[in-house]
Amino acid sequence: MSILVVNDNADFNRLKELLNVTDGNLASHLKSLESVSYIEVEKSFIDRKPNTRYSATKLGKVEFKKHIEALEKLIN
């Protein structure tokens, strides 16, 4: 989520590269985030190749902020 909160969007390959995870692991997490409406998914083609782009929703950004605040409380 942190990548999607600070960027307008990111495609599957970029997320995979930044997070250093397997396709299956990333897909599973993205599906979970999509199921609770924290992210939006946009599928398209770039030079005949499928491209899936993800972006954080308003709800996702609010919930991420709450999560960060809760972690900060634990630290303090």
PDB file of N, CA and C in Angstrom:
ATOM      1  N   MET A   1       0.818  -1.192   0.000  1.00  0.00           N
ATOM      2  CA  MET A   1       0.000   0.000   0.000  1.00  0.00           C
ATOM      3  C   MET A   1       0.860   1.253   0.000  1.00  0.00           C
ATOM      4  N   SER A   2       1.973   1.210   0.713  1.00  0.00           N
ATOM      5  CA  SER A   2       2.788   2.426   0.816  1.00  0.00           C
ATOM      6  C   SER A   2       3.229   2.924  -0.565  1.00  0.00           C
ATOM      7  N   ILE A   3       3.534   2.016  -1.462  1.00  0.00           N
ATOM      8  CA  ILE A   3       3.948   2.409  -2.814  1.00  0.00           C
ATOM      9  C   ILE A   3       2.791   3.100  -3.534  1.00  0.00           C
ATOM     10  N   LEU A   4       1.599   2.566  -3.372  1.00  0.00           N
ATOM     11  CA  LEU A   4       0.436   3.123  -4.062  1.00  0.00           C
ATOM     12  C   LEU A   4      -0.063   4.405  -3.420  1.00  0.00           C
ATOM     13  N   VAL A   5       0.210   4.593  -2.151  1.00  0.00           N
ATOM     14  CA  VAL A   5      -0.216   5.819  -1.474  1.00  0.00           C
ATOM     15  C   VAL A   5       0.648   7.005  -1.910  1.00  0.00           C
ATOM     16  N   VAL A   6       1.929   6.779  -2.132  1.00  0.00           N
ATOM     17  CA  VAL A   6       2.820   7.890  -2.489  1.00  0.00           C
ATOM     18  C   VAL A   6       2.976   8.077  -4.005  1.00  0.00           C
ATOM     19  N   ASN A   7       2.447   7.147  -4.789  1.00  0.00           N
ATOM     20  CA  ASN A   7       2.473   7.258  -6.247  1.00  0.00           C
ATOM     21  C   ASN A   7       1.036   7.220  -6.767  1.00  0.00           C
ATOM     22  N   ASP A   8       0.804   7.851  -7.901  1.00  0.00           N
ATOM     23  CA  ASP A   8      -0.543   7.815  -8.490  1.00  0.00           C
ATOM     24  C   ASP A   8      -0.959   6.385  -8.802  1.00  0.00           C
ATOM     25  N   ASN A   9      -0.006   5.596  -9.306  1.00  0.00           N
ATOM     26  CA  ASN A   9      -0.287   4.203  -9.641  1.00  0.00           C
ATOM     27  C   ASN A   9       1.028   3.472  -9.863  1.00  0.00           C
ATOM     28  N   ALA A  10       0.919   2.167  -9.976  1.00  0.00           N
ATOM     29  CA  ALA A  10       2.085   1.330 -10.282  1.00  0.00           C
ATOM     30  C   ALA A  10       1.579   0.073 -10.968  1.00  0.00           C
ATOM     31  N   ASP A  11       2.342  -0.416 -11.937  1.00  0.00           N
ATOM     32  CA  ASP A  11       1.918  -1.649 -12.599  1.00  0.00           C
ATOM     33  C   ASP A  11       2.476  -2.863 -11.864  1.00  0.00           C
ATOM     34  N   PHE A  12       1.980  -4.023 -12.245  1.00  0.00           N
ATOM     35  CA  PHE A  12       2.314  -5.268 -11.557  1.00  0.00           C
ATOM     36  C   PHE A  12       3.823  -5.493 -11.505  1.00  0.00           C
ATOM     37  N   ASN A  13       4.485  -5.318 -12.642  1.00  0.00           N
ATOM     38  CA  ASN A  13       5.929  -5.573 -12.691  1.00  0.00           C
ATOM     39  C   ASN A  13       6.717  -4.616 -11.807  1.00  0.00           C
ATOM     40  N   ARG A  14       6.298  -3.373 -11.762  1.00  0.00           N
ATOM     41  CA  ARG A  14       6.987  -2.383 -10.907  1.00  0.00           C
ATOM     42  C   ARG A  14       6.817  -2.757  -9.433  1.00  0.00           C
ATOM     43  N   LEU A  15       5.601  -3.119  -9.041  1.00  0.00           N
ATOM     44  CA  LEU A  15       5.359  -3.534  -7.657  1.00  0.00           C
ATOM     45  C   LEU A  15       6.189  -4.767  -7.309  1.00  0.00           C
ATOM     46  N   LYS A  16       6.209  -5.714  -8.226  1.00  0.00           N
ATOM     47  CA  LYS A  16       6.969  -6.951  -7.998  1.00  0.00           C
ATOM     48  C   LYS A  16       8.450  -6.642  -7.810  1.00  0.00           C
ATOM     49  N   GLU A  17       8.973  -5.750  -8.623  1.00  0.00           N
ATOM     50  CA  GLU A  17      10.386  -5.367  -8.543  1.00  0.00           C
ATOM     51  C   GLU A  17      10.690  -4.643  -7.229  1.00  0.00           C
ATOM     52  N   LEU A  18       9.851  -3.692  -6.854  1.00  0.00           N
ATOM     53  CA  LEU A  18      10.092  -2.919  -5.642  1.00  0.00           C
ATOM     54  C   LEU A  18       9.945  -3.748  -4.372  1.00  0.00           C
ATOM     55  N   LEU A  19       9.003  -4.686  -4.393  1.00  0.00           N
ATOM     56  CA  LEU A  19       8.724  -5.479  -3.199  1.00  0.00           C
ATOM     57  C   LEU A  19       9.519  -6.777  -3.130  1.00  0.00           C
ATOM     58  N   ASN A  20      10.113  -7.160  -4.250  1.00  0.00           N
ATOM     59  CA  ASN A  20      10.907  -8.386  -4.320  1.00  0.00           C
ATOM     60  C   ASN A  20      10.113  -9.615  -3.843  1.00  0.00           C
ATOM     61  N   VAL A  21       8.955  -9.809  -4.465  1.00  0.00           N
ATOM     62  CA  VAL A  21       8.071 -10.931  -4.123  1.00  0.00           C
ATOM     63  C   VAL A  21       7.755 -11.732  -5.383  1.00  0.00           C
ATOM     64  N   THR A  22       7.187 -12.905  -5.189  1.00  0.00           N
ATOM     65  CA  THR A  22       6.805 -13.739  -6.325  1.00  0.00           C
ATOM     66  C   THR A  22       5.496 -13.235  -6.935  1.00  0.00           C
ATOM     67  N   ASP A  23       5.234 -13.640  -8.162  1.00  0.00           N
ATOM     68  CA  ASP A  23       3.985 -13.279  -8.840  1.00  0.00           C
ATOM     69  C   ASP A  23       2.780 -13.694  -8.003  1.00  0.00           C
ATOM     70  N   GLY A  24       2.795 -14.934  -7.536  1.00  0.00           N
ATOM     71  CA  GLY A  24       1.664 -15.468  -6.783  1.00  0.00           C
ATOM     72  C   GLY A  24       1.432 -14.731  -5.481  1.00  0.00           C
ATOM     73  N   ASN A  25       2.511 -14.423  -4.772  1.00  0.00           N
ATOM     74  CA  ASN A  25       2.394 -13.710  -3.506  1.00  0.00           C
ATOM     75  C   ASN A  25       1.814 -12.321  -3.729  1.00  0.00           C
ATOM     76  N   LEU A  26       2.335 -11.610  -4.711  1.00  0.00           N
ATOM     77  CA  LEU A  26       1.850 -10.263  -5.009  1.00  0.00           C
ATOM     78  C   LEU A  26       0.398 -10.299  -5.458  1.00  0.00           C
ATOM     79  N   ALA A  27       0.072 -11.216  -6.348  1.00  0.00           N
ATOM     80  CA  ALA A  27      -1.300 -11.324  -6.850  1.00  0.00           C
ATOM     81  C   ALA A  27      -2.279 -11.587  -5.716  1.00  0.00           C
ATOM     82  N   SER A  28      -1.893 -12.423  -4.779  1.00  0.00           N
ATOM     83  CA  SER A  28      -2.743 -12.742  -3.633  1.00  0.00           C
ATOM     84  C   SER A  28      -3.004 -11.506  -2.774  1.00  0.00           C
ATOM     85  N   HIS A  29      -1.969 -10.756  -2.497  1.00  0.00           N
ATOM     86  CA  HIS A  29      -2.119  -9.543  -1.687  1.00  0.00           C
ATOM     87  C   HIS A  29      -2.943  -8.484  -2.419  1.00  0.00           C
ATOM     88  N   LEU A  30      -2.696  -8.328  -3.708  1.00  0.00           N
ATOM     89  CA  LEU A  30      -3.452  -7.345  -4.476  1.00  0.00           C
ATOM     90  C   LEU A  30      -4.929  -7.708  -4.539  1.00  0.00           C
ATOM     91  N   LYS A  31      -5.222  -8.980  -4.688  1.00  0.00           N
ATOM     92  CA  LYS A  31      -6.611  -9.438  -4.726  1.00  0.00           C
ATOM     93  C   LYS A  31      -7.301  -9.131  -3.400  1.00  0.00           C
ATOM     94  N   SER A  32      -6.599  -9.342  -2.289  1.00  0.00           N
ATOM     95  CA  SER A  32      -7.157  -9.037  -0.966  1.00  0.00           C
ATOM     96  C   SER A  32      -7.435  -7.541  -0.815  1.00  0.00           C
ATOM     97  N   LEU A  33      -6.496  -6.714  -1.248  1.00  0.00           N
ATOM     98  CA  LEU A  33      -6.690  -5.268  -1.167  1.00  0.00           C
ATOM     99  C   LEU A  33      -7.829  -4.806  -2.064  1.00  0.00           C
ATOM    100  N   GLU A  34      -7.955  -5.420  -3.224  1.00  0.00           N
ATOM    101  CA  GLU A  34      -9.046  -5.070  -4.132  1.00  0.00           C
ATOM    102  C   GLU A  34     -10.399  -5.490  -3.546  1.00  0.00           C
ATOM    103  N   SER A  35     -10.450  -6.629  -2.880  1.00  0.00           N
ATOM    104  CA  SER A  35     -11.721  -7.142  -2.350  1.00  0.00           C
ATOM    105  C   SER A  35     -12.301  -6.238  -1.261  1.00  0.00           C
ATOM    106  N   VAL A  36     -11.463  -5.439  -0.588  1.00  0.00           N
ATOM    107  CA  VAL A  36     -11.956  -4.511   0.431  1.00  0.00           C
ATOM    108  C   VAL A  36     -11.942  -3.058  -0.082  1.00  0.00           C
ATOM    109  N   SER A  37     -11.792  -2.908  -1.387  1.00  0.00           N
ATOM    110  CA  SER A  37     -11.847  -1.603  -2.077  1.00  0.00           C
ATOM    111  C   SER A  37     -10.753  -0.632  -1.650  1.00  0.00           C
ATOM    112  N   TYR A  38      -9.578  -1.159  -1.274  1.00  0.00           N
ATOM    113  CA  TYR A  38      -8.447  -0.301  -0.938  1.00  0.00           C
ATOM    114  C   TYR A  38      -7.658   0.096  -2.176  1.00  0.00           C
ATOM    115  N   ILE A  39      -7.780  -0.693  -3.250  1.00  0.00           N
ATOM    116  CA  ILE A  39      -7.093  -0.382  -4.502  1.00  0.00           C
ATOM    117  C   ILE A  39      -8.051  -0.544  -5.674  1.00  0.00           C
ATOM    118  N   GLU A  40      -7.719   0.142  -6.758  1.00  0.00           N
ATOM    119  CA  GLU A  40      -8.436  -0.007  -8.031  1.00  0.00           C
ATOM    120  C   GLU A  40      -7.491  -0.667  -9.025  1.00  0.00           C
ATOM    121  N   VAL A  41      -8.067  -1.443  -9.927  1.00  0.00           N
ATOM    122  CA  VAL A  41      -7.284  -2.168 -10.922  1.00  0.00           C
ATOM    123  C   VAL A  41      -7.696  -1.706 -12.309  1.00  0.00           C
ATOM    124  N   GLU A  42      -6.719  -1.398 -13.137  1.00  0.00           N
ATOM    125  CA  GLU A  42      -6.974  -0.990 -14.518  1.00  0.00           C
ATOM    126  C   GLU A  42      -6.146  -1.881 -15.439  1.00  0.00           C
ATOM    127  N   LYS A  43      -6.835  -2.589 -16.313  1.00  0.00           N
ATOM    128  CA  LYS A  43      -6.143  -3.482 -17.252  1.00  0.00           C
ATOM    129  C   LYS A  43      -6.155  -2.859 -18.639  1.00  0.00           C
ATOM    130  N   SER A  44      -5.020  -2.945 -19.320  1.00  0.00           N
ATOM    131  CA  SER A  44      -4.898  -2.401 -20.667  1.00  0.00           C
ATOM    132  C   SER A  44      -3.814  -3.168 -21.408  1.00  0.00           C
ATOM    133  N   PHE A  45      -3.551  -2.736 -22.620  1.00  0.00           N
ATOM    134  CA  PHE A  45      -2.474  -3.320 -23.420  1.00  0.00           C
ATOM    135  C   PHE A  45      -1.494  -2.219 -23.805  1.00  0.00           C
ATOM    136  N   ILE A  46      -0.214  -2.526 -23.694  1.00  0.00           N
ATOM    137  CA  ILE A  46       0.844  -1.629 -24.146  1.00  0.00           C
ATOM    138  C   ILE A  46       1.678  -2.407 -25.144  1.00  0.00           C
ATOM    139  N   ASP A  47       1.663  -1.951 -26.382  1.00  0.00           N
ATOM    140  CA  ASP A  47       2.353  -2.666 -27.462  1.00  0.00           C
ATOM    141  C   ASP A  47       1.955  -4.143 -27.496  1.00  0.00           C
ATOM    142  N   ARG A  48       0.662  -4.393 -27.458  1.00  0.00           N
ATOM    143  CA  ARG A  48       0.076  -5.740 -27.522  1.00  0.00           C
ATOM    144  C   ARG A  48       0.354  -6.612 -26.294  1.00  0.00           C
ATOM    145  N   LYS A  49       0.979  -6.046 -25.277  1.00  0.00           N
ATOM    146  CA  LYS A  49       1.253  -6.809 -24.057  1.00  0.00           C
ATOM    147  C   LYS A  49       0.282  -6.354 -22.974  1.00  0.00           C
ATOM    148  N   PRO A  50      -0.295  -7.305 -22.237  1.00  0.00           N
ATOM    149  CA  PRO A  50      -1.200  -6.907 -21.158  1.00  0.00           C
ATOM    150  C   PRO A  50      -0.457  -6.138 -20.066  1.00  0.00           C
ATOM    151  N   ASN A  51      -1.126  -5.125 -19.545  1.00  0.00           N
ATOM    152  CA  ASN A  51      -0.557  -4.313 -18.473  1.00  0.00           C
ATOM    153  C   ASN A  51      -1.641  -4.090 -17.430  1.00  0.00           C
ATOM    154  N   THR A  52      -1.328  -4.403 -16.187  1.00  0.00           N
ATOM    155  CA  THR A  52      -2.269  -4.194 -15.091  1.00  0.00           C
ATOM    156  C   THR A  52      -1.693  -3.141 -14.170  1.00  0.00           C
ATOM    157  N   ARG A  53      -2.472  -2.082 -13.992  1.00  0.00           N
ATOM    158  CA  ARG A  53      -2.039  -0.938 -13.197  1.00  0.00           C
ATOM    159  C   ARG A  53      -2.926  -0.834 -11.959  1.00  0.00           C
ATOM    160  N   TYR A  54      -2.311  -0.525 -10.841  1.00  0.00           N
ATOM    161  CA  TYR A  54      -3.017  -0.444  -9.562  1.00  0.00           C
ATOM    162  C   TYR A  54      -2.883   0.954  -8.986  1.00  0.00           C
ATOM    163  N   SER A  55      -3.933   1.411  -8.313  1.00  0.00           N
ATOM    164  CA  SER A  55      -3.887   2.693  -7.617  1.00  0.00           C
ATOM    165  C   SER A  55      -4.685   2.587  -6.326  1.00  0.00           C
ATOM    166  N   ALA A  56      -4.279   3.370  -5.342  1.00  0.00           N
ATOM    167  CA  ALA A  56      -4.972   3.380  -4.050  1.00  0.00           C
ATOM    168  C   ALA A  56      -6.255   4.185  -4.180  1.00  0.00           C
ATOM    169  N   THR A  57      -7.317   3.699  -3.580  1.00  0.00           N
ATOM    170  CA  THR A  57      -8.583   4.430  -3.539  1.00  0.00           C
ATOM    171  C   THR A  57      -8.544   5.415  -2.369  1.00  0.00           C
ATOM    172  N   LYS A  58      -9.532   6.298  -2.310  1.00  0.00           N
ATOM    173  CA  LYS A  58      -9.624   7.218  -1.169  1.00  0.00           C
ATOM    174  C   LYS A  58      -9.748   6.425   0.128  1.00  0.00           C
ATOM    175  N   LEU A  59     -10.588   5.391   0.101  1.00  0.00           N
ATOM    176  CA  LEU A  59     -10.750   4.539   1.278  1.00  0.00           C
ATOM    177  C   LEU A  59      -9.423   3.887   1.656  1.00  0.00           C
ATOM    178  N   GLY A  60      -8.707   3.389   0.677  1.00  0.00           N
ATOM    179  CA  GLY A  60      -7.417   2.751   0.929  1.00  0.00           C
ATOM    180  C   GLY A  60      -6.426   3.702   1.570  1.00  0.00           C
ATOM    181  N   LYS A  61      -6.408   4.946   1.105  1.00  0.00           N
ATOM    182  CA  LYS A  61      -5.490   5.942   1.669  1.00  0.00           C
ATOM    183  C   LYS A  61      -5.861   6.274   3.110  1.00  0.00           C
ATOM    184  N   VAL A  62      -7.164   6.389   3.379  1.00  0.00           N
ATOM    185  CA  VAL A  62      -7.621   6.672   4.742  1.00  0.00           C
ATOM    186  C   VAL A  62      -7.247   5.525   5.674  1.00  0.00           C
ATOM    187  N   GLU A  63      -7.500   4.300   5.243  1.00  0.00           N
ATOM    188  CA  GLU A  63      -7.195   3.137   6.080  1.00  0.00           C
ATOM    189  C   GLU A  63      -5.697   2.952   6.274  1.00  0.00           C
ATOM    190  N   PHE A  64      -4.918   3.266   5.271  1.00  0.00           N
ATOM    191  CA  PHE A  64      -3.465   3.177   5.409  1.00  0.00           C
ATOM    192  C   PHE A  64      -2.974   4.196   6.434  1.00  0.00           C
ATOM    193  N   LYS A  65      -3.524   5.407   6.380  1.00  0.00           N
ATOM    194  CA  LYS A  65      -3.152   6.440   7.344  1.00  0.00           C
ATOM    195  C   LYS A  65      -3.499   5.985   8.764  1.00  0.00           C
ATOM    196  N   LYS A  66      -4.659   5.381   8.939  1.00  0.00           N
ATOM    197  CA  LYS A  66      -5.050   4.866  10.259  1.00  0.00           C
ATOM    198  C   LYS A  66      -4.057   3.798  10.731  1.00  0.00           C
ATOM    199  N   HIS A  67      -3.649   2.955   9.824  1.00  0.00           N
ATOM    200  CA  HIS A  67      -2.687   1.893  10.148  1.00  0.00           C
ATOM    201  C   HIS A  67      -1.353   2.490  10.613  1.00  0.00           C
ATOM    202  N   ILE A  68      -0.863   3.480   9.909  1.00  0.00           N
ATOM    203  CA  ILE A  68       0.400   4.136  10.262  1.00  0.00           C
ATOM    204  C   ILE A  68       0.273   4.814  11.623  1.00  0.00           C
ATOM    205  N   GLU A  69      -0.857   5.471  11.864  1.00  0.00           N
ATOM    206  CA  GLU A  69      -1.074   6.133  13.157  1.00  0.00           C
ATOM    207  C   GLU A  69      -1.088   5.120  14.299  1.00  0.00           C
ATOM    208  N   ALA A  70      -1.695   3.970  14.076  1.00  0.00           N
ATOM    209  CA  ALA A  70      -1.729   2.914  15.095  1.00  0.00           C
ATOM    210  C   ALA A  70      -0.317   2.395  15.375  1.00  0.00           C
ATOM    211  N   LEU A  71       0.483   2.223  14.326  1.00  0.00           N
ATOM    212  CA  LEU A  71       1.875   1.799  14.527  1.00  0.00           C
ATOM    213  C   LEU A  71       2.671   2.835  15.294  1.00  0.00           C
ATOM    214  N   GLU A  72       2.444   4.114  14.991  1.00  0.00           N
ATOM    215  CA  GLU A  72       3.151   5.176  15.709  1.00  0.00           C
ATOM    216  C   GLU A  72       2.790   5.196  17.187  1.00  0.00           C
ATOM    217  N   LYS A  73       1.531   4.921  17.505  1.00  0.00           N
ATOM    218  CA  LYS A  73       1.098   4.844  18.913  1.00  0.00           C
ATOM    219  C   LYS A  73       1.824   3.715  19.631  1.00  0.00           C
ATOM    220  N   LEU A  74       1.972   2.583  18.954  1.00  0.00           N
ATOM    221  CA  LEU A  74       2.689   1.458  19.562  1.00  0.00           C
ATOM    222  C   LEU A  74       4.144   1.804  19.843  1.00  0.00           C
ATOM    223  N   ILE A  75       4.750   2.525  18.944  1.00  0.00           N
ATOM    224  CA  ILE A  75       6.157   2.906  19.099  1.00  0.00           C
ATOM    225  C   ILE A  75       6.334   3.882  20.261  1.00  0.00           C
ATOM    226  N   ASN A  76       5.410   4.812  20.360  1.00  0.00           N
ATOM    227  CA  ASN A  76       5.498   5.827  21.428  1.00  0.00           C
ATOM    228  C   ASN A  76       4.981   5.206  22.694  1.00  0.00           C
TER     229      ASN A  76
END
